[in-house]
Amino acid sequence: MSAVDLRVTGKRCTYWLAAEGRHCGSQVGVRAFIQGPRCPLHDPNVTTGGQP
């Protein structure tokens, strides 16, 4: 497993938190994915159960 980059990126995680009615909004460790920018907690490999 690789180390997670925890730098503030200036981009915001766009994962939708339906229970709270808002996007995640984290700016820590955000990376670009096809689904949009995601933080390490909402990385598509994590949310879908895939292998990192």
Protein backbone atom coordinates (compact mmCIF):
# COMPACT_ATOMS: atom_id res chain seq x y z
CA MET A 1 0.00 0.00 0.00
CA SER A 2 1.37 3.39 -0.95
CA ALA A 3 1.59 6.39 1.35
CA VAL A 4 -1.24 8.91 1.11
CA ASP A 5 -0.29 12.46 0.17
CA LEU A 6 -1.88 14.68 2.83
CA ARG A 7 -1.01 18.06 1.33
CA VAL A 8 -3.66 20.73 0.91
CA THR A 9 -4.21 20.82 -2.85
CA GLY A 10 -6.53 23.78 -3.43
CA LYS A 11 -9.02 21.43 -5.10
CA ARG A 12 -12.07 20.22 -3.17
CA CYS A 13 -13.45 16.68 -2.95
CA THR A 14 -16.77 16.57 -4.81
CA TYR A 15 -18.07 13.31 -3.25
CA TRP A 16 -21.76 13.81 -2.42
CA LEU A 17 -22.70 13.15 1.22
CA ALA A 18 -26.42 12.52 0.76
CA ALA A 19 -27.22 12.27 4.47
CA GLU A 20 -25.80 15.77 4.97
CA GLY A 21 -26.99 17.22 1.67
CA ARG A 22 -23.56 18.53 0.68
CA HIS A 23 -20.25 17.69 -1.00
CA CYS A 24 -17.35 16.48 1.16
CA GLY A 25 -15.29 19.62 0.44
CA SER A 26 -12.01 18.33 1.87
CA GLN A 27 -8.88 19.89 0.38
CA VAL A 28 -6.45 17.37 1.88
CA GLY A 29 -4.84 14.84 -0.47
CA VAL A 30 -7.37 15.48 -3.28
CA ARG A 31 -6.59 13.77 -6.59
CA ALA A 32 -8.30 13.80 -9.98
CA PHE A 33 -10.47 10.83 -10.99
CA ILE A 34 -13.00 10.32 -13.80
CA GLN A 35 -15.77 10.82 -11.22
CA GLY A 36 -14.21 14.14 -10.18
CA PRO A 37 -11.74 15.29 -7.54
CA ARG A 38 -11.71 12.97 -4.51
CA CYS A 39 -10.00 12.97 -1.10
CA PRO A 40 -8.39 9.74 0.22
CA LEU A 41 -11.58 8.79 2.13
CA HIS A 42 -13.68 9.01 -1.03
CA ASP A 43 -11.17 7.59 -3.53
CA PRO A 44 -13.23 5.46 -6.00
CA ASN A 45 -11.12 2.40 -5.12
CA VAL A 46 -12.19 2.80 -1.49
CA THR A 47 -15.86 3.60 -2.07
CA THR A 48 -16.38 0.73 -4.55
CA GLY A 49 -14.27 -1.87 -2.72
CA GLY A 50 -11.61 -2.06 -5.45
CA GLN A 51 -7.92 -2.66 -4.92
CA PRO A 52 -5.80 0.52 -4.48
